[in-house]
Structure formats: structure tokens, C-alpha cells
């Protein structure tokens, strides 16, 4: 391997590592706030990539129907809560918010998709519609699968997360079929810099990833909702005693994770052909970065995910048959070090 090849591999590794870094940040956020290891994050990536590819083909995406079905299910749960005894029932204002978020939003999205010329839409509008369809599935998944078990152990939440993953995997096969799809690139620009060929798509992926992480940093530091998420992540009981609605924090965390996952799919869709089950492997690589960060540090998780991308790129050149093994082997020394350096149990810390 000469220097020019090493630079090209580094470029590829940084591009894919930027996407893994976004997923790692989303996984850390969800785990810190809700103690859920969000395995279906990979399916959010696949849904985002395949939804925008479907739009660009001029077809109505089946994910819009799935969004409507999930919204109706969540609203039915809220109606049931409304019918409870007076001390436990939802307020009228909360019911109105639920109707807008879970019924009106999916219906509006479907009406827009039916009325627009999907194939002739500008790329920014296609991206916006994709995010509007896929991202709201995040809090709906939380409401349907995780919120009723919010006080359960991490192991129970992990088992539920695996079940949701397999359910979404099967739905992905039904909605998109077994054939792979690739969306159109953001830019056709190409520029030679020494041995490197910089593409508009690669620069878009890296630049957008940096902007999203910077926006998240500002959100956590300067907004009330961001500070509420940080407080819930630090101490759930203390946040509840201070008047923070922990359930709302969980929904917001899943909303951000859904947004990150869907946008990651939009970013990676033009780079590689994705199938209904491709998101799982991509999500696992983001999970490796999150594990390196101890599922608690956003900068270390992002840096670990970037390292995963670089190692994957170099391994694909020197030992392509074993690149996945090499990447996932990174978990072993990290877990070994953490098992020897940590002497407390998560459930003990929370009690």
C-alpha cells in the first residue's frame, strides 16, 4: 500500500465514519435518557434510504402507510387512557396534541404524497418528505413498545428492542421487497486534489454530519428541552422530582434518534445500494462506536465511530473477507477494559 492509496482509503473511511458517528450519537442519546439500546436504529437508516429512493422512482412509499398505522395505534392508546378514571385520564389538551401528532400528521403526509408529482420534486423536498415520514416513527415506537416498560430492567428493554428490530425487518421486506435501491447523489461535482478525487456527495456527507452534531451540541447547551434531556440522562429520579416529564424526554430522545437515523439513510443512500436488511449492519457499526464511548460520552462515541469507519476502509483493502470480523472485534478489548475498571451495576446506580 503506497501513500496515495492510504489517502484514498482514509477519505472513504472518514466519509462512512461520519455516518457511523451520527448513529453512535443517536444510540448514546437514547440509552442515556431511556436505558434502551435502540437496535432498530439501523432499520430507521434503511427506511430513510429506501423511502427517498422510492420517491425518486415516482412511487408512493409504503412507509407512509406504516406511519399512519402506527399513529392510529398510538392514538388508540391515548383514547383508552382518556377513558380511565378521572385521576389518571389524559387532559383534553393532551388529547388534542396526540390527535395532531398521531393522526393529522400522517394523513397530511399521505395527502401531500398523493397530490405531488413525486418524480419531478426537487431533492430538498424529497429529503424533507422522507424525514417527515420516517422520523416520527421514532417516538411512536417508544410509545408502543418501550414506554409501557419504562421502569423495567435494561435486559428486558434489550429483549424488546430485539423484538422491534425483527418486526421492522419483516415490515421492510414487505414494503420494499428483496431488491436493493440506490438514491440519486446530492451533487455530481468532482474535484481532483493530488491523488484524491473529492466528490460533492462525499463532501455533503461529511459536512452535513458535522453540522448535525454541532446543532445537537447547541441544542443540548442552550435550549430548555435539551437541558431537560441532559438532566434526565444524568438522574431520572432527580429530573422527575424537579418537574421534568421523563416520558416526554424519552419521546424527544426517540424523535431525535429517528431523525438522525432517517437522515443517515438519506446521506448513505447514494453511496451504496441498500436493501431492506442493510440497516442492521450499519447500525451495529454505529453501536461499536457507542460502546467505545461507554454509551455515555457523545464526543468519544463519535470519535470511536470515525475510527470504525477508518478501520473498515483499511481492512477492506488488506483483508476484505475479514473486514467485518476486524471491525466487530474492536468491542472485545473495550468491554474487557470496562469490565475491569467498573465495579458497579447500572440498576444499582439508578435505584
Protein backbone atom coordinates (compact mmCIF):
# COMPACT_ATOMS: atom_id res chain seq x y z
CA UNK A 1 0.00 0.00 0.00
CA UNK A 2 1.53 3.33 -1.05
CA UNK A 3 0.74 6.79 0.31
CA UNK A 4 -1.83 7.67 -2.37
CA UNK A 5 -3.84 4.51 -1.71
CA UNK A 6 -3.69 5.19 2.02
CA UNK A 7 -5.11 8.68 1.44
CA UNK A 8 -7.94 7.33 -0.72
CA UNK A 9 -8.82 4.72 1.91
CA UNK A 10 -8.73 7.40 4.61
CA UNK A 11 -11.14 9.51 2.56
CA UNK A 12 -13.56 6.58 2.25
CA UNK A 13 -13.20 5.77 5.93
CA UNK A 14 -13.93 9.33 7.03
CA UNK A 15 -16.99 9.50 4.78
CA UNK A 16 -18.56 6.31 6.12
CA UNK A 17 -17.29 7.04 9.63
CA UNK A 18 -19.18 10.34 9.62
CA UNK A 19 -22.44 8.41 9.15
CA UNK A 20 -21.48 5.89 11.84
CA UNK A 21 -20.72 8.82 14.15
CA UNK A 22 -24.25 10.18 13.72
CA UNK A 23 -25.72 6.78 14.55
CA UNK A 24 -23.43 6.41 17.57
CA UNK A 25 -24.57 9.77 18.91
CA UNK A 26 -28.21 8.77 18.43
CA UNK A 27 -27.67 5.46 20.25
CA UNK A 28 -25.92 7.17 23.16
CA UNK A 29 -28.71 9.75 23.41
CA UNK A 30 -31.47 7.14 23.55
CA UNK A 31 -29.62 4.94 26.03
CA UNK A 32 -28.69 7.82 28.32
CA UNK A 33 -32.28 9.08 28.52
CA UNK A 34 -34.30 5.84 28.42
CA UNK A 35 -31.79 2.99 29.08
CA UNK A 36 -32.90 1.44 25.77
CA UNK A 37 -30.25 0.04 23.43
CA UNK A 38 -32.03 1.13 20.26
CA UNK A 39 -31.20 -1.74 17.90
CA UNK A 40 -33.88 -0.65 15.35
CA UNK A 41 -31.81 2.48 14.66
CA UNK A 42 -30.43 0.53 11.69
CA UNK A 43 -33.92 0.00 10.32
CA UNK A 44 -34.52 3.75 10.51
CA UNK A 45 -31.46 4.13 8.27
CA UNK A 46 -32.77 1.59 5.77
CA UNK A 47 -36.27 3.09 5.83
CA UNK A 48 -34.86 6.57 5.17
CA UNK A 49 -32.67 5.45 2.27
CA UNK A 50 -35.34 3.26 0.65
CA UNK A 51 -38.11 5.82 1.14
CA UNK A 52 -36.25 8.58 -0.70
CA UNK A 53 -35.24 6.10 -3.43
CA UNK A 54 -38.92 5.16 -3.82
CA UNK A 55 -39.89 8.83 -4.09
CA UNK A 56 -37.25 9.40 -6.74
CA UNK A 57 -38.68 6.48 -8.69
CA UNK A 58 -42.05 8.27 -8.67
CA UNK A 59 -43.75 5.69 -6.43
CA UNK A 60 -45.80 6.15 -3.28
CA UNK A 61 -43.67 4.93 -0.31
CA UNK A 62 -45.27 2.22 1.82
CA UNK A 63 -43.64 3.79 4.88
CA UNK A 64 -46.36 6.47 4.74
CA UNK A 65 -49.00 3.78 5.35
CA UNK A 66 -46.88 2.33 8.16
CA UNK A 67 -46.66 5.79 9.74
CA UNK A 68 -50.44 6.12 9.61
CA UNK A 69 -50.95 2.66 11.12
CA UNK A 70 -48.54 3.41 13.96
CA UNK A 71 -50.17 6.81 14.55
CA UNK A 72 -53.63 5.23 14.80
CA UNK A 73 -52.28 2.68 17.30
CA UNK A 74 -50.73 5.37 19.49
CA UNK A 75 -53.89 7.49 19.36
CA UNK A 76 -55.97 4.43 20.34
CA UNK A 77 -53.78 4.04 23.42
CA UNK A 78 -54.36 7.69 24.31
CA UNK A 79 -58.12 7.29 23.86
CA UNK A 80 -58.01 4.34 26.24
CA UNK A 81 -56.13 6.48 28.76
CA UNK A 82 -58.74 9.21 28.33
CA UNK A 83 -61.45 6.72 29.36
CA UNK A 84 -59.67 5.84 32.59
CA UNK A 85 -60.88 7.10 35.99
CA UNK A 86 -60.63 10.88 36.49
CA UNK A 87 -57.38 10.77 38.45
CA UNK A 88 -55.49 9.01 35.64
CA UNK A 89 -57.12 10.22 32.46
CA UNK A 90 -55.41 12.42 29.87
CA UNK A 91 -56.38 16.07 29.65
CA UNK A 92 -58.26 17.47 26.66
CA UNK A 93 -55.20 19.46 25.60
CA UNK A 94 -53.04 16.35 25.67
CA UNK A 95 -55.62 14.52 23.55
CA UNK A 96 -55.57 17.36 21.02
CA UNK A 97 -51.78 17.19 20.80
CA UNK A 98 -51.99 13.44 20.34
CA UNK A 99 -54.55 13.79 17.55
CA UNK A 100 -52.39 16.33 15.73
CA UNK A 101 -49.16 14.35 16.08
CA UNK A 102 -50.51 10.83 15.52
CA UNK A 103 -53.45 11.33 13.16
CA UNK A 104 -53.26 14.70 11.42
CA UNK A 105 -49.53 14.47 10.62
CA UNK A 106 -49.65 11.04 8.87
CA UNK A 107 -52.84 12.00 6.99
CA UNK A 108 -51.27 15.27 5.83
CA UNK A 109 -48.12 13.43 4.70
CA UNK A 110 -50.19 10.92 2.69
CA UNK A 111 -52.26 13.69 1.09
CA UNK A 112 -49.10 15.55 0.08
CA UNK A 113 -47.62 12.41 -1.44
CA UNK A 114 -50.81 11.71 -3.38
CA UNK A 115 -51.08 15.26 -4.72
CA UNK A 116 -47.46 15.87 -5.76
CA UNK A 117 -45.54 14.69 -8.80
CA UNK A 118 -43.07 12.63 -6.79
CA UNK A 119 -40.54 12.03 -9.57
CA UNK A 120 -40.36 15.71 -10.54
CA UNK A 121 -39.89 17.03 -6.99
CA UNK A 122 -36.72 18.89 -6.11
CA UNK A 123 -34.22 16.98 -3.99
CA UNK A 124 -34.67 19.18 -0.87
CA UNK A 125 -38.43 18.49 -0.92
CA UNK A 126 -37.81 14.75 -1.33
CA UNK A 127 -35.48 14.82 1.68
CA UNK A 128 -37.99 16.83 3.74
CA UNK A 129 -40.82 14.40 2.92
CA UNK A 130 -38.62 11.41 3.74
CA UNK A 131 -37.76 12.86 7.15
CA UNK A 132 -41.42 13.79 7.75
CA UNK A 133 -42.43 10.17 7.13
CA UNK A 134 -39.64 8.20 8.83
CA UNK A 135 -38.52 10.38 11.76
CA UNK A 136 -41.93 10.45 13.58
CA UNK A 137 -41.79 6.66 13.75
CA UNK A 138 -39.15 7.06 16.48
CA UNK A 139 -41.43 8.43 19.23
CA UNK A 140 -44.27 6.18 18.04
CA UNK A 141 -42.04 3.13 18.52
CA UNK A 142 -41.23 4.41 22.00
CA UNK A 143 -44.91 4.87 22.84
CA UNK A 144 -45.91 1.44 21.55
CA UNK A 145 -43.00 -0.73 22.67
CA UNK A 146 -40.90 0.93 25.36
CA UNK A 147 -42.91 3.48 27.34
CA UNK A 148 -45.16 0.83 28.99
CA UNK A 149 -41.95 -0.90 30.20
CA UNK A 150 -40.02 2.26 31.13
CA UNK A 151 -39.34 1.01 34.67
CA UNK A 152 -38.14 -2.43 33.57
CA UNK A 153 -34.55 -3.60 33.67
CA UNK A 154 -32.08 -2.93 30.89
CA UNK A 155 -32.20 -6.63 29.95
CA UNK A 156 -35.98 -6.54 29.43
CA UNK A 157 -35.69 -3.36 27.35
CA UNK A 158 -32.95 -5.01 25.28
CA UNK A 159 -35.15 -8.04 24.58
CA UNK A 160 -37.99 -5.74 23.48
CA UNK A 161 -35.55 -3.81 21.29
CA UNK A 162 -34.50 -7.03 19.55
CA UNK A 163 -38.17 -7.93 19.01
CA UNK A 164 -38.89 -4.50 17.50
CA UNK A 165 -35.85 -4.91 15.24
CA UNK A 166 -37.13 -8.20 13.81
CA UNK A 167 -40.62 -6.78 13.38
CA UNK A 168 -39.31 -3.76 11.46
CA UNK A 169 -37.05 -6.04 9.42
CA UNK A 170 -40.05 -8.09 8.30
CA UNK A 171 -42.06 -4.95 7.55
CA UNK A 172 -39.13 -3.66 5.49
CA UNK A 173 -39.20 -6.78 3.34
CA UNK A 174 -42.97 -6.43 2.83
CA UNK A 175 -42.77 -2.71 1.98
CA UNK A 176 -39.66 -2.61 -0.22
CA UNK A 177 -39.13 -6.18 -1.39
CA UNK A 178 -35.83 -8.03 -1.61
CA UNK A 179 -34.37 -5.84 -4.36
CA UNK A 180 -31.85 -3.18 -3.42
CA UNK A 181 -32.16 0.53 -4.25
CA UNK A 182 -29.83 3.48 -4.55
CA UNK A 183 -30.91 7.11 -4.43
CA UNK A 184 -29.56 9.93 -6.57
CA UNK A 185 -26.44 11.79 -5.35
CA UNK A 186 -26.74 15.27 -3.90
CA UNK A 187 -24.11 16.62 -6.26
CA UNK A 188 -22.24 15.42 -9.35
CA UNK A 189 -19.24 17.65 -8.60
CA UNK A 190 -15.82 16.01 -8.82
CA UNK A 191 -12.52 17.67 -7.98
CA UNK A 192 -9.00 16.24 -8.06
CA UNK A 193 -6.69 17.16 -5.19
CA UNK A 194 -3.44 15.31 -5.61
CA UNK A 195 -4.19 11.56 -5.57
CA UNK A 196 -7.67 12.19 -4.12
CA UNK A 197 -10.88 12.67 -6.06
CA UNK A 198 -13.25 14.72 -3.92
CA UNK A 199 -16.91 14.26 -4.81
CA UNK A 200 -19.80 16.51 -3.96
CA UNK A 201 -21.61 13.56 -2.38
CA UNK A 202 -18.72 12.72 -0.06
CA UNK A 203 -18.24 16.34 0.98
CA UNK A 204 -22.01 16.62 1.56
CA UNK A 205 -21.96 13.58 3.86
CA UNK A 206 -19.04 14.86 5.93
CA UNK A 207 -20.24 18.47 6.06
CA UNK A 208 -23.82 17.56 6.93
CA UNK A 209 -22.69 15.17 9.67
CA UNK A 210 -20.53 17.89 11.24
CA UNK A 211 -23.39 20.40 11.06
CA UNK A 212 -25.86 17.98 12.66
CA UNK A 213 -23.52 17.21 15.55
CA UNK A 214 -22.84 20.92 16.03
CA UNK A 215 -26.60 21.60 16.03
CA UNK A 216 -27.11 18.87 18.63
CA UNK A 217 -24.39 20.41 20.80
CA UNK A 218 -26.13 23.79 20.64
CA UNK A 219 -29.50 22.14 21.33
CA UNK A 220 -28.23 20.40 24.46
CA UNK A 221 -26.45 23.51 25.72
CA UNK A 222 -28.87 26.36 25.03
CA UNK A 223 -32.43 25.04 24.85
CA UNK A 224 -34.76 24.10 27.69
CA UNK A 225 -35.68 20.81 26.03
CA UNK A 226 -32.01 19.95 25.55
CA UNK A 227 -31.21 20.69 29.19
CA UNK A 228 -34.19 18.54 30.22
CA UNK A 229 -32.75 15.66 28.20
CA UNK A 230 -29.36 16.11 29.85
CA UNK A 231 -30.95 16.19 33.31
CA UNK A 232 -32.93 13.02 32.58
CA UNK A 233 -29.78 11.31 31.33
CA UNK A 234 -27.87 12.21 34.50
CA UNK A 235 -30.57 11.25 37.01
CA UNK A 236 -34.06 10.15 36.03
CA UNK A 237 -35.46 10.32 39.56
CA UNK A 238 -33.92 13.72 40.23
CA UNK A 239 -35.29 15.06 36.93
CA UNK A 240 -38.76 13.80 37.82
CA UNK A 241 -38.58 15.47 41.24
CA UNK A 242 -37.60 18.75 39.55
CA UNK A 243 -40.78 18.66 37.45
CA UNK A 244 -39.32 17.28 34.21
CA UNK A 245 -41.64 14.84 32.42
CA UNK A 246 -39.39 11.85 31.93
CA UNK A 247 -41.80 10.26 29.45
CA UNK A 248 -41.69 13.40 27.28
CA UNK A 249 -37.89 13.31 27.42
CA UNK A 250 -37.98 9.71 26.20
CA UNK A 251 -40.23 10.62 23.29
CA UNK A 252 -37.99 13.53 22.35
CA UNK A 253 -34.89 11.31 22.52
CA UNK A 254 -36.53 8.79 20.18
CA UNK A 255 -37.63 11.60 17.87
CA UNK A 256 -34.06 12.83 17.58
CA UNK A 257 -32.80 9.28 17.09
CA UNK A 258 -35.40 8.71 14.36
CA UNK A 259 -34.40 11.96 12.69
CA UNK A 260 -30.70 11.05 12.86
CA UNK A 261 -31.36 7.54 11.54
CA UNK A 262 -33.57 8.71 8.66
CA UNK A 263 -31.13 11.43 7.65
CA UNK A 264 -28.23 8.99 7.86
CA UNK A 265 -30.10 6.80 5.39
CA UNK A 266 -30.60 9.77 3.09
CA UNK A 267 -26.86 10.51 3.28
CA UNK A 268 -25.65 6.98 2.67
CA UNK A 269 -28.28 6.03 0.07
CA UNK A 270 -26.38 7.48 -2.93
CA UNK A 271 -23.08 5.94 -1.78
CA UNK A 272 -24.10 2.29 -1.74
CA UNK A 273 -27.02 0.08 -2.73
CA UNK A 274 -29.17 -0.62 0.30
CA UNK A 275 -31.56 -3.49 0.92
CA UNK A 276 -34.32 -3.86 3.48
CA UNK A 277 -31.89 -5.58 5.88
CA UNK A 278 -28.80 -3.42 5.20
CA UNK A 279 -29.51 -1.07 8.09
CA UNK A 280 -28.78 -3.67 10.76
CA UNK A 281 -25.10 -3.97 9.87
CA UNK A 282 -24.75 -0.19 9.54
CA UNK A 283 -26.42 0.31 12.90
CA UNK A 284 -24.14 -2.26 14.51
CA UNK A 285 -21.09 -0.31 13.39
CA UNK A 286 -22.55 2.81 14.96
CA UNK A 287 -23.14 0.69 18.07
CA UNK A 288 -19.44 -0.23 18.17
CA UNK A 289 -18.63 3.49 18.28
CA UNK A 290 -21.23 3.99 21.03
CA UNK A 291 -19.68 1.14 23.03
CA UNK A 292 -16.24 2.76 22.70
CA UNK A 293 -17.83 5.85 24.24
CA UNK A 294 -19.27 3.74 27.05
CA UNK A 295 -22.81 4.58 25.93
CA UNK A 296 -22.38 7.83 27.81
CA UNK A 297 -19.95 10.17 26.04
CA UNK A 298 -21.05 11.80 22.78
CA UNK A 299 -17.58 13.02 21.63
CA UNK A 300 -15.86 9.70 22.40
CA UNK A 301 -18.69 7.77 20.71
CA UNK A 302 -18.40 9.95 17.60
CA UNK A 303 -14.61 9.56 17.61
CA UNK A 304 -14.93 5.80 18.08
CA UNK A 305 -17.36 5.57 15.17
CA UNK A 306 -14.98 7.56 12.99
CA UNK A 307 -12.24 5.10 13.93
CA UNK A 308 -14.58 2.24 12.96
CA UNK A 309 -15.00 3.78 9.52
CA UNK A 310 -11.24 4.13 9.04
CA UNK A 311 -10.50 0.59 10.22
CA UNK A 312 -13.22 -0.77 7.94
CA UNK A 313 -11.77 1.08 4.95
CA UNK A 314 -8.21 -0.18 5.52
CA UNK A 315 -9.42 -3.71 6.35
CA UNK A 316 -11.42 -3.85 3.12
CA UNK A 317 -8.17 -3.25 1.22
CA UNK A 318 -5.86 -5.64 3.06
CA UNK A 319 -8.30 -8.32 4.27
CA UNK A 320 -11.67 -7.73 2.66
CA UNK A 321 -13.01 -11.16 3.61
CA UNK A 322 -12.46 -10.40 7.30
CA UNK A 323 -13.26 -6.69 7.47
CA UNK A 324 -16.49 -7.21 9.44
CA UNK A 325 -14.71 -9.52 11.88
CA UNK A 326 -11.94 -6.96 12.39
CA UNK A 327 -14.44 -4.13 12.99
CA UNK A 328 -16.57 -6.00 15.49
CA UNK A 329 -13.53 -7.40 17.29
CA UNK A 330 -12.95 -3.83 18.49
CA UNK A 331 -15.73 -4.39 21.02
CA UNK A 332 -13.79 -7.13 22.84
CA UNK A 333 -10.88 -5.07 24.32
CA UNK A 334 -13.22 -2.16 25.09
CA UNK A 335 -15.67 -4.36 27.00
CA UNK A 336 -12.80 -6.16 28.76
CA UNK A 337 -11.30 -2.86 29.89
CA UNK A 338 -14.66 -1.54 31.09
CA UNK A 339 -15.47 -4.76 32.95
CA UNK A 340 -12.23 -4.47 34.93
CA UNK A 341 -12.46 -0.71 35.51
CA UNK A 342 -16.15 -0.55 36.53
CA UNK A 343 -17.36 -2.16 39.75
CA UNK A 344 -20.99 -1.01 39.85
CA UNK A 345 -24.14 -2.25 38.22
CA UNK A 346 -26.37 0.06 36.19
CA UNK A 347 -29.52 -0.94 38.05
CA UNK A 348 -27.79 -0.26 41.38
CA UNK A 349 -26.78 3.21 40.24
CA UNK A 350 -30.36 4.09 39.29
CA UNK A 351 -32.02 2.85 42.46
